[in-house]
Amino acid sequence: MLGRKVSRYFDNHLMPMLLRLLSTVLLVSTVAASTGAQTGSHAGISSIADLDSAAHKVLSPAPQESREAVDWLVRHGDRSSVAVLIQLLRWLPEDREVLAARLETLTGAHVGPNWFDWMVWQQDHPDLPQYPGYAGFLADLLARIDPRFRRFVYGGIAHEIRIEEIVWGGVTVDGIPALDNPAMIAASAASYLNPDDPVFGVEINGDDRAYPLRIVNWHEMVNDVVGGVPVSLAYCTLCGSGILFDGRIPGRAERFAFGSSGLLYRSNKLMYDRQTDSLWEQFTGRPVVGGLTGFKIELEPLPLVLSSWSQWRSRHPETRVLSLDTGFRRDYGPGVAYREYFASPELMFPALVKDRRLRQKDLIFGVRVPGGVKAWPLATLADGAVINDHIGFVDVVVIGDASGRGARAYEGRRRRFAPGASPDEVLAGGGRWRVTESALVGPGGESLPRLPGHVAYWFAWAGYFENALLGGPAP
């Protein structure tokens, strides 16, 4: 069954939490349901004129009114009500069987009673009739969790993605708090780090920074200034991707800074900008819901490497690194946050995975250039491997980080490279080239620019780039 295996993680880990929240979110419980059944009657159904009326009355704090609205949807809902019925599967477990039965009648699909599986099915059926009032329904639903969600979703809001596919990620607005211009310390003072701790490494204009994942896992967003450049390190733990964005957009005087909305789209983080409260896809750096939608704004990705603390420090002895003094109380021990998710082959939230050439949580290193994208399985870049390849008409050389956690990509410009004697060099045409964070520097001073790339889980990359190209050594 589509999504059945990956939904197990949701059922085992998140559903108990959701059930605890149920009484305060929708104010509907099994007791209320039985009360509605005992009182009887469907007389109140006559007050429900249409799908819009029923959808909003489901959220009523009056148990009988809510019960009657659920009954109306089950009895009278048409195909435009499918998205509402799927959403209710998540919040009304006592009604899952009847809701699923109605969904099967309306769609002809036999998916089962699980919300996760139906969400994946919905993602695979973009031609479903739309309920025009769904954004308003979702806004009312999310406001039961946190009224601040109304900043991001409301009736009539502009959007480029399907509103029906936006899901709550289990936290409130800024429940995963961003770090803003966090305190940095010298490498020699970072006694809390172990040599093999993973870090995001950044170098801009001679300013070297390390952002350990044991801290960033808890915050998923760092707004900082590196080498005079305002940047946002946006990390989606669910899709395994950390992307460094330039906070500047041509034509806008004010830099963008971001927070975590608490909402997801296909298991990818929807971040929001603090200027307009528009929702942005972390994976693409584009606003997709809200006031900035449609303006063709896209953040520029900057080079970033995922490495180990020992490898990064050996290459950048003057690096600074995040201090444990973040202003928040968290257990920043190694591997504490998301330990079970990172170790599991399953997903936590629904995401359609059509491309099965790799396993859904296999790690890849992906590069995007004008005219094309390509990914390489991270396993093929272990031990500092060097791959000569191309993306469209652009020759690229991909160099695995010695830690085995990430890679760097550069323009190749018809040169073929091979590993050198150390991680700091590669060989081409009989000469040694230095591997730096901004370029490959040749023996005569010539340079080949770095290309932005990042690590991600395969499901996220393949989900955003249909028929994604998988790379390998060029012939």
Protein backbone atom coordinates (compact mmCIF):
# COMPACT_ATOMS: atom_id res chain seq x y z
CA MET A 1 0.00 0.00 0.00
CA LEU A 2 1.32 3.40 -0.98
CA GLY A 3 3.10 4.98 1.96
CA ARG A 4 2.11 2.25 4.43
CA LYS A 5 5.64 1.48 5.55
CA VAL A 6 6.75 5.09 5.88
CA SER A 7 3.58 5.98 7.78
CA ARG A 8 4.59 3.63 10.59
CA TYR A 9 7.03 6.19 11.95
CA PHE A 10 4.23 8.75 12.11
CA ASP A 11 1.85 6.31 13.79
CA ASN A 12 4.39 5.19 16.37
CA HIS A 13 6.01 8.51 17.24
CA LEU A 14 3.72 11.42 16.39
CA MET A 15 0.21 10.06 16.67
CA PRO A 16 0.35 9.69 20.47
CA MET A 17 1.31 13.37 20.75
CA LEU A 18 -1.45 14.39 18.38
CA LEU A 19 -4.01 12.46 20.35
CA ARG A 20 -2.96 14.24 23.53
CA LEU A 21 -3.46 17.55 21.75
CA LEU A 22 -6.77 16.55 20.21
CA SER A 23 -9.05 17.84 22.93
CA THR A 24 -7.49 21.30 22.84
CA VAL A 25 -7.11 21.50 19.08
CA LEU A 26 -10.53 20.52 17.77
CA LEU A 27 -12.37 20.11 21.06
CA VAL A 28 -13.79 16.88 19.73
CA SER A 29 -13.29 13.61 21.57
CA THR A 30 -14.65 10.15 21.64
CA VAL A 31 -16.86 11.18 24.54
CA ALA A 32 -18.25 14.07 22.51
CA ALA A 33 -18.88 11.76 19.61
CA SER A 34 -20.86 9.34 21.73
CA THR A 35 -22.79 12.27 23.23
CA GLY A 36 -23.71 13.44 19.75
CA ALA A 37 -24.83 9.97 18.82
CA GLN A 38 -27.01 9.68 21.92
CA THR A 39 -28.69 13.07 21.40
CA GLY A 40 -29.51 11.91 18.18
CA SER A 41 -30.33 13.52 15.82
CA HIS A 42 -29.42 14.67 12.49
CA ALA A 43 -31.91 17.51 12.72
CA GLY A 44 -29.04 19.96 12.87
CA ILE A 45 -27.79 18.75 9.51
CA SER A 46 -30.41 20.86 7.81
CA SER A 47 -28.52 23.96 8.98
CA ILE A 48 -25.50 22.89 6.95
CA ALA A 49 -25.96 24.33 3.50
CA ASP A 50 -22.81 23.22 1.76
CA LEU A 51 -19.24 21.98 2.05
CA ASP A 52 -17.94 25.33 3.29
CA SER A 53 -20.48 25.40 6.10
CA ALA A 54 -19.74 21.81 7.10
CA ALA A 55 -15.97 22.23 7.00
CA HIS A 56 -16.03 25.17 9.40
CA LYS A 57 -18.63 23.63 11.70
CA VAL A 58 -16.42 20.59 12.15
CA LEU A 59 -14.17 22.96 14.11
CA SER A 60 -17.00 24.13 16.35
CA PRO A 61 -16.37 23.98 20.12
CA ALA A 62 -19.97 22.70 20.44
CA PRO A 63 -19.66 18.89 20.33
CA GLN A 64 -23.06 18.24 18.76
CA GLU A 65 -22.56 20.81 16.01
CA SER A 66 -19.16 19.37 15.23
CA ARG A 67 -20.56 15.84 15.22
CA GLU A 68 -23.33 16.81 12.83
CA ALA A 69 -20.84 18.44 10.49
CA VAL A 70 -18.75 15.26 10.37
CA ASP A 71 -21.91 13.26 9.65
CA TRP A 72 -22.84 15.66 6.83
CA LEU A 73 -19.42 15.33 5.23
CA VAL A 74 -19.55 11.54 5.44
CA ARG A 75 -23.07 11.43 3.98
CA HIS A 76 -23.04 14.29 1.45
CA GLY A 77 -19.45 15.30 0.72
CA ASP A 78 -18.47 15.16 -2.96
CA ARG A 79 -15.04 14.94 -4.62
CA SER A 80 -14.29 18.56 -3.75
CA SER A 81 -14.51 17.55 -0.08
CA VAL A 82 -11.69 14.99 -0.38
CA ALA A 83 -9.00 17.31 1.01
CA VAL A 84 -11.15 18.12 4.07
CA LEU A 85 -11.90 14.44 4.71
CA ILE A 86 -8.20 13.60 4.46
CA GLN A 87 -7.34 16.36 6.93
CA LEU A 88 -9.95 15.04 9.38
CA LEU A 89 -8.34 11.59 9.28
CA ARG A 90 -5.43 13.09 11.20
CA TRP A 91 -7.52 14.62 13.96
CA LEU A 92 -10.51 12.31 14.38
CA PRO A 93 -9.09 8.81 14.90
CA GLU A 94 -12.43 7.53 16.21
CA ASP A 95 -13.95 8.36 12.80
CA ARG A 96 -11.13 7.05 10.64
CA GLU A 97 -13.00 4.03 9.31
CA VAL A 98 -16.07 5.96 8.17
CA LEU A 99 -13.98 8.82 6.78
CA ALA A 100 -11.79 6.37 4.86
CA ALA A 101 -14.86 4.56 3.54
CA ARG A 102 -16.28 7.83 2.19
CA LEU A 103 -12.93 8.68 0.63
CA GLU A 104 -12.83 5.31 -1.10
CA THR A 105 -16.35 5.86 -2.42
CA LEU A 106 -15.48 9.31 -3.76
CA THR A 107 -12.10 8.44 -5.27
CA GLY A 108 -12.28 4.76 -6.11
CA ALA A 109 -8.92 4.36 -4.36
CA HIS A 110 -8.30 1.72 -1.68
CA VAL A 111 -5.71 3.40 0.50
CA GLY A 112 -6.74 2.39 4.01
CA PRO A 113 -7.60 4.42 7.13
CA ASN A 114 -4.30 6.27 7.65
CA TRP A 115 -3.92 10.02 7.15
CA PHE A 116 -0.30 9.62 6.03
CA ASP A 117 -1.22 7.27 3.19
CA TRP A 118 -4.08 9.46 1.97
CA MET A 119 -1.85 12.54 1.98
CA VAL A 120 0.63 10.73 -0.25
CA TRP A 121 -2.24 9.63 -2.50
CA GLN A 122 -3.44 13.26 -2.70
CA GLN A 123 0.05 14.43 -3.67
CA ASP A 124 -0.09 11.94 -6.54
CA HIS A 125 -3.46 13.28 -7.75
CA PRO A 126 -3.09 17.00 -8.49
CA ASP A 127 -6.17 16.91 -10.73
CA LEU A 128 -8.61 16.55 -7.82
CA PRO A 129 -11.42 19.12 -7.79
CA GLN A 130 -10.50 21.97 -5.48
CA TYR A 131 -12.55 23.24 -2.58
CA PRO A 132 -12.12 27.04 -2.95
CA GLY A 133 -12.55 27.63 0.76
CA TYR A 134 -9.86 25.17 1.86
CA ALA A 135 -7.34 27.87 2.83
CA GLY A 136 -9.87 29.43 5.19
CA PHE A 137 -10.71 26.01 6.66
CA LEU A 138 -7.01 25.22 7.16
CA ALA A 139 -6.44 28.62 8.76
CA ASP A 140 -9.22 27.99 11.28
CA LEU A 141 -7.88 24.51 12.01
CA LEU A 142 -4.28 25.67 12.52
CA ALA A 143 -5.44 28.57 14.68
CA ARG A 144 -6.74 26.00 17.18
CA ILE A 145 -3.11 24.98 17.63
CA ASP A 146 -1.55 28.44 17.49
CA PRO A 147 -3.44 31.61 16.45
CA ARG A 148 -0.22 32.94 14.92
CA PHE A 149 -0.61 30.49 12.03
CA ARG A 150 -3.16 32.94 10.63
CA ARG A 151 -0.21 35.12 9.64
CA PHE A 152 0.72 32.54 7.02
CA VAL A 153 -2.53 30.97 5.86
CA TYR A 154 -5.94 32.58 5.40
CA GLY A 155 -8.82 32.59 2.94
CA GLY A 156 -7.91 33.95 -0.48
CA ILE A 157 -4.14 33.95 0.11
CA ALA A 158 -1.91 33.82 -2.98
CA HIS A 159 -0.05 30.54 -3.39
CA GLU A 160 2.05 28.59 -5.89
CA ILE A 161 1.84 25.22 -4.14
CA ARG A 162 -1.29 23.26 -3.30
CA ILE A 163 -2.66 24.55 -0.01
CA GLU A 164 -4.14 21.08 0.52
CA GLU A 165 -0.61 19.69 0.86
CA ILE A 166 0.50 22.04 3.63
CA VAL A 167 0.60 20.16 6.92
CA TRP A 168 1.32 21.00 10.52
CA GLY A 169 4.83 19.93 11.51
CA GLY A 170 4.11 19.27 15.18
CA VAL A 171 5.38 22.60 16.59
CA THR A 172 4.02 26.11 17.02
CA VAL A 173 5.23 29.17 15.12
CA ASP A 174 8.93 29.59 16.00
CA GLY A 175 8.63 26.49 18.18
CA ILE A 176 11.95 25.68 16.54
CA PRO A 177 13.63 29.01 17.29
CA ALA A 178 16.06 30.57 14.82
CA LEU A 179 19.48 31.76 15.93
CA ASP A 180 20.08 35.41 15.05
CA ASN A 181 23.69 36.64 14.90
CA PRO A 182 24.68 33.95 17.41
CA ALA A 183 27.76 34.15 19.59
CA MET A 184 30.87 32.60 18.05
CA ILE A 185 34.02 31.40 19.82
CA ALA A 186 37.53 30.50 18.74
CA ALA A 187 38.22 26.92 17.73
CA SER A 188 40.53 26.50 20.71
CA ALA A 189 37.65 27.35 23.06
CA ALA A 190 35.24 24.81 21.56
CA SER A 191 36.07 22.04 24.01
CA TYR A 192 32.49 20.75 23.76
CA LEU A 193 33.07 19.43 20.23
CA ASN A 194 34.30 15.96 19.37
CA PRO A 195 36.58 15.44 16.35
CA ASP A 196 33.91 13.57 14.38
CA ASP A 197 31.02 15.92 15.18
CA PRO A 198 29.42 17.07 11.91
CA VAL A 199 29.56 20.79 11.14
CA PHE A 200 28.39 23.06 8.36
CA GLY A 201 31.47 24.94 7.15
CA VAL A 202 31.30 28.39 5.56
CA GLU A 203 34.02 30.73 4.32
CA ILE A 204 33.19 34.14 2.84
CA ASN A 205 35.76 36.86 2.26
CA GLY A 206 38.24 35.19 4.59
CA ASP A 207 35.71 34.76 7.42
CA ASP A 208 35.64 31.06 8.42
CA ARG A 209 32.66 29.77 10.41
CA ALA A 210 31.57 26.36 11.67
CA TYR A 211 27.97 25.60 12.64
CA PRO A 212 27.80 22.24 14.47
CA LEU A 213 24.75 20.14 13.71
CA ARG A 214 24.38 19.21 17.35
CA ILE A 215 23.27 22.85 17.82
CA VAL A 216 21.71 23.59 14.44
CA ASN A 217 19.50 20.48 14.66
CA TRP A 218 17.61 22.26 17.45
CA HIS A 219 17.18 25.56 15.57
CA GLU A 220 17.14 24.76 11.83
CA MET A 221 17.74 28.41 10.92
CA VAL A 222 20.71 30.69 11.51
CA ASN A 223 20.54 34.32 10.39
CA ASP A 224 24.08 35.67 10.46
CA VAL A 225 26.60 37.92 8.75
CA VAL A 226 29.70 36.16 7.39
CA GLY A 227 32.48 38.14 5.75
CA GLY A 228 30.15 41.13 5.53
CA VAL A 229 27.46 39.14 3.70
CA PRO A 230 24.05 38.64 5.38
CA VAL A 231 23.21 34.96 5.14
CA SER A 232 20.61 32.47 6.31
CA LEU A 233 21.61 28.88 6.93
CA ALA A 234 18.32 27.05 6.39
CA TYR A 235 18.44 23.46 7.59
CA CYS A 236 15.57 21.04 6.99
CA THR A 237 16.26 18.12 9.30
CA LEU A 238 13.42 16.13 7.74
CA CYS A 239 14.98 16.18 4.27
CA GLY A 240 18.60 16.19 5.46
CA SER A 241 19.48 19.39 3.63
CA GLY A 242 21.34 22.44 4.87
CA ILE A 243 21.42 25.29 2.35
CA LEU A 244 23.19 28.63 2.78
CA PHE A 245 21.28 31.53 1.23
CA ASP A 246 22.38 35.08 0.54
CA GLY A 247 19.86 37.26 2.40
CA ARG A 248 20.09 40.01 -0.20
CA ILE A 249 17.77 40.35 -3.18
CA PRO A 250 18.59 42.86 -5.95
CA GLY A 251 16.29 45.83 -5.76
CA ARG A 252 15.42 45.37 -2.08
CA ALA A 253 17.23 47.51 0.47
CA GLU A 254 16.48 45.29 3.46
CA ARG A 255 17.97 41.82 3.82
CA PHE A 256 15.71 38.87 4.38
CA ALA A 257 15.82 37.03 7.69
CA PHE A 258 13.82 33.89 8.34
CA GLY A 259 12.09 31.86 11.00
CA SER A 260 10.43 28.45 11.16
CA SER A 261 6.70 28.53 10.47
CA GLY A 262 5.97 25.11 11.95
CA LEU A 263 4.42 24.08 8.62
CA LEU A 264 5.63 21.61 6.00
CA TYR A 265 5.13 20.86 2.33
CA ARG A 266 5.98 17.32 1.25
CA SER A 267 8.13 16.91 4.35
CA ASN A 268 10.13 20.04 3.53
CA LYS A 269 10.37 22.97 5.88
CA LEU A 270 8.31 26.04 5.05
CA MET A 271 10.26 28.97 6.44
CA TYR A 272 8.85 32.48 6.64
CA ASP A 273 10.42 35.87 6.14
CA ARG A 274 9.98 38.34 8.96
CA GLN A 275 9.19 41.25 6.69
CA THR A 276 6.05 39.91 4.97
CA ASP A 277 5.24 36.56 6.65
CA SER A 278 5.35 34.88 3.25
CA LEU A 279 6.10 31.16 3.32
CA TRP A 280 9.20 30.00 1.44
CA GLU A 281 10.33 26.54 0.41
CA GLN A 282 13.59 25.78 2.16
CA PHE A 283 14.63 23.52 -0.70
CA THR A 284 14.26 26.08 -3.47
CA GLY A 285 14.62 29.43 -1.67
CA ARG A 286 11.40 30.68 -3.28
CA PRO A 287 8.30 32.26 -1.70
CA VAL A 288 5.32 30.03 -2.45
CA VAL A 289 2.52 31.30 -0.17
CA GLY A 290 1.71 34.90 0.74
CA GLY A 291 2.43 38.42 -0.39
CA LEU A 292 5.71 37.70 -2.21
CA THR A 293 4.22 34.92 -4.30
CA GLY A 294 4.39 35.54 -8.03
CA PHE A 295 7.21 38.09 -7.95
CA LYS A 296 9.81 35.57 -9.20
CA ILE A 297 12.00 36.09 -6.16
CA GLU A 298 14.62 33.42 -5.51
CA LEU A 299 17.39 33.45 -2.93
CA GLU A 300 20.91 32.85 -4.21
CA PRO A 301 22.51 29.73 -2.70
CA LEU A 302 26.10 30.09 -1.52
CA PRO A 303 28.81 27.43 -1.12
CA LEU A 304 28.54 25.35 2.05
CA VAL A 305 30.16 22.08 3.05
CA LEU A 306 29.09 19.41 5.50
CA SER A 307 32.23 18.10 7.15
CA SER A 308 33.55 16.87 10.47
CA TRP A 309 34.88 19.25 13.09
CA SER A 310 38.39 17.79 12.82
CA GLN A 311 38.51 18.08 9.02
CA TRP A 312 37.11 21.61 8.97
CA ARG A 313 39.42 22.80 11.73
CA SER A 314 42.50 21.29 10.08
CA ARG A 315 41.71 23.18 6.87
CA HIS A 316 40.64 26.37 8.69
CA PRO A 317 42.60 26.69 11.94
CA GLU A 318 41.36 30.27 12.43
CA THR A 319 37.73 29.27 12.17
CA ARG A 320 35.17 30.45 14.65
CA VAL A 321 32.41 28.15 15.82
CA LEU A 322 29.01 28.47 17.45
CA SER A 323 29.05 28.93 21.19
CA LEU A 324 26.85 26.75 23.38
CA ASP A 325 25.56 30.02 24.82
CA THR A 326 22.69 30.36 22.35
CA GLY A 327 20.19 31.97 24.69
CA PHE A 328 18.08 28.78 24.68
CA ARG A 329 18.03 25.80 26.99
CA ARG A 330 18.58 22.67 24.92
CA ASP A 331 20.51 19.44 25.26
CA TYR A 332 23.23 20.12 22.70
CA GLY A 333 24.82 16.72 23.18
CA PRO A 334 25.99 14.87 20.06
CA GLY A 335 23.20 13.12 18.20
CA VAL A 336 20.47 14.08 20.67
CA ALA A 337 17.99 15.87 18.42
CA TYR A 338 16.28 13.70 15.78
CA ARG A 339 18.34 10.66 16.76
CA GLU A 340 15.58 8.17 15.94
CA TYR A 341 14.57 9.87 12.70
CA PHE A 342 18.12 10.00 11.36
CA ALA A 343 18.59 6.32 12.19
CA SER A 344 15.29 5.23 10.61
CA PRO A 345 14.76 4.44 6.92
CA GLU A 346 11.23 5.83 7.21
CA LEU A 347 9.80 9.32 6.82
CA MET A 348 8.06 11.24 9.58
CA PHE A 349 5.69 13.23 7.34
CA PRO A 350 4.03 12.48 4.01
CA ALA A 351 6.08 12.89 0.84
CA LEU A 352 5.42 11.24 -2.49
CA VAL A 353 8.40 9.12 -3.56
CA LYS A 354 8.10 7.93 -7.14
CA ASP A 355 11.75 7.57 -8.06
CA ARG A 356 13.07 4.36 -6.51
CA ARG A 357 16.54 4.30 -8.04
CA LEU A 358 17.84 5.04 -4.55
CA ARG A 359 16.26 4.42 -1.18
CA GLN A 360 14.20 7.35 0.02
CA LYS A 361 16.65 8.39 2.75
CA ASP A 362 19.86 7.66 0.89
CA LEU A 363 22.04 10.76 1.02
CA ILE A 364 23.00 12.52 -2.18
CA PHE A 365 25.10 15.56 -3.02
CA GLY A 366 23.20 17.80 -5.43
CA VAL A 367 24.30 20.73 -7.59
CA ARG A 368 22.12 23.19 -9.52
CA VAL A 369 23.44 25.36 -12.32
CA PRO A 370 21.59 27.42 -14.93
CA GLY A 371 20.30 24.85 -17.35
CA GLY A 372 20.30 21.76 -15.20
CA VAL A 373 20.62 19.86 -11.94
CA LYS A 374 22.40 16.66 -11.03
CA ALA A 375 22.95 14.55 -7.93
CA TRP A 376 25.57 12.01 -6.91
CA PRO A 377 25.04 9.34 -4.26
CA LEU A 378 27.11 10.48 -1.32
CA ALA A 379 28.52 6.96 -0.96
CA THR A 380 30.32 7.39 -4.31
CA LEU A 381 32.18 10.41 -2.90
CA ALA A 382 33.63 8.71 0.16
CA ASP A 383 37.29 9.06 1.13
CA GLY A 384 37.82 12.20 -0.91
CA ALA A 385 36.80 10.66 -4.23
CA VAL A 386 36.98 12.91 -7.30
CA ILE A 387 34.31 12.67 -10.01
CA ASN A 388 34.56 14.48 -13.36
CA ASP A 389 31.10 14.98 -14.80
CA HIS A 390 28.89 17.56 -16.46
CA ILE A 391 25.52 19.24 -15.90
CA GLY A 392 24.09 20.12 -19.27
CA PHE A 393 26.92 21.96 -21.04
CA VAL A 394 28.77 22.77 -17.80
CA ASP A 395 31.77 20.61 -16.91
CA VAL A 396 31.94 19.99 -13.17
CA VAL A 397 34.33 18.29 -10.81
CA VAL A 398 32.93 16.96 -7.54
CA ILE A 399 35.35 16.34 -4.69
CA GLY A 400 34.25 14.31 -1.69
CA ASP A 401 35.09 15.71 1.71
CA ALA A 402 37.58 13.54 3.58
CA SER A 403 35.06 13.13 6.40
CA GLY A 404 32.69 11.30 4.06
CA ARG A 405 29.84 13.60 5.11
CA GLY A 406 29.74 16.03 2.20
CA ALA A 407 31.42 17.30 -0.96
CA ARG A 408 32.45 20.39 -2.91
CA ALA A 409 31.76 21.08 -6.57
CA TYR A 410 33.64 23.33 -9.00
CA GLU A 411 33.51 24.20 -12.66
CA GLY A 412 35.74 21.81 -14.60
CA ARG A 413 36.18 23.71 -17.88
CA ARG A 414 37.41 20.69 -19.85
CA ARG A 415 39.99 19.66 -17.29
CA ARG A 416 40.02 16.20 -15.74
CA PHE A 417 41.03 15.95 -12.11
CA ALA A 418 42.29 13.15 -9.90
CA PRO A 419 42.83 12.91 -6.13
CA GLY A 420 45.99 14.48 -4.80
CA ALA A 421 48.25 13.51 -1.95
CA SER A 422 46.10 15.31 0.61
CA PRO A 423 42.49 16.52 0.94
CA ASP A 424 43.72 20.03 0.16
CA GLU A 425 44.74 19.27 -3.41
CA VAL A 426 43.72 17.59 -6.65
CA LEU A 427 45.75 16.85 -9.77
CA ALA A 428 45.14 17.88 -13.37
CA GLY A 429 47.45 18.04 -16.39
CA GLY A 430 50.45 17.12 -14.28
CA GLY A 431 49.93 20.04 -11.91
CA ARG A 432 48.63 20.40 -8.37
CA TRP A 433 45.50 22.42 -7.74
CA ARG A 434 44.59 23.74 -4.28
CA VAL A 435 41.10 22.98 -3.03
CA THR A 436 39.71 26.13 -1.40
CA GLU A 437 36.22 27.11 -0.31
CA SER A 438 35.81 29.57 -3.18
CA ALA A 439 37.73 27.99 -6.06
CA LEU A 440 40.20 25.43 -7.33
CA VAL A 441 43.47 27.30 -7.70
CA GLY A 442 45.94 26.02 -10.28
CA PRO A 443 49.73 26.06 -10.27
CA GLY A 444 49.79 29.15 -12.45
CA GLY A 445 47.25 31.04 -10.37
CA GLU A 446 44.31 30.18 -12.60
CA SER A 447 41.07 29.42 -10.76
CA LEU A 448 37.88 27.47 -11.30
CA PRO A 449 34.92 28.80 -9.30
CA ARG A 450 33.05 26.84 -6.67
CA LEU A 451 29.48 25.81 -7.41
CA PRO A 452 26.87 25.78 -4.65
CA GLY A 453 25.81 22.28 -3.70
CA HIS A 454 24.36 20.52 -0.70
CA VAL A 455 23.58 17.15 0.82
CA ALA A 456 19.96 15.93 0.97
CA TYR A 457 17.89 12.81 1.28
CA TRP A 458 17.00 11.30 -2.07
CA PHE A 459 13.24 11.61 -1.51
CA ALA A 460 13.53 15.40 -1.21
CA TRP A 461 15.79 15.86 -4.23
CA ALA A 462 13.80 13.50 -6.47
CA GLY A 463 10.55 15.05 -5.25
CA TYR A 464 11.56 18.53 -6.35
CA PHE A 465 13.38 17.50 -9.51
CA GLU A 466 11.30 15.00 -11.47
CA ASN A 467 13.41 12.61 -13.55
CA ALA A 468 16.45 13.85 -11.65
CA LEU A 469 19.78 13.02 -13.22
CA LEU A 470 22.10 10.83 -11.19
CA GLY A 471 25.74 11.53 -11.87
CA GLY A 472 28.83 9.41 -12.17
CA PRO A 473 32.32 9.62 -13.62
CA ALA A 474 32.38 11.17 -17.09
CA PRO A 475 33.51 8.79 -19.88
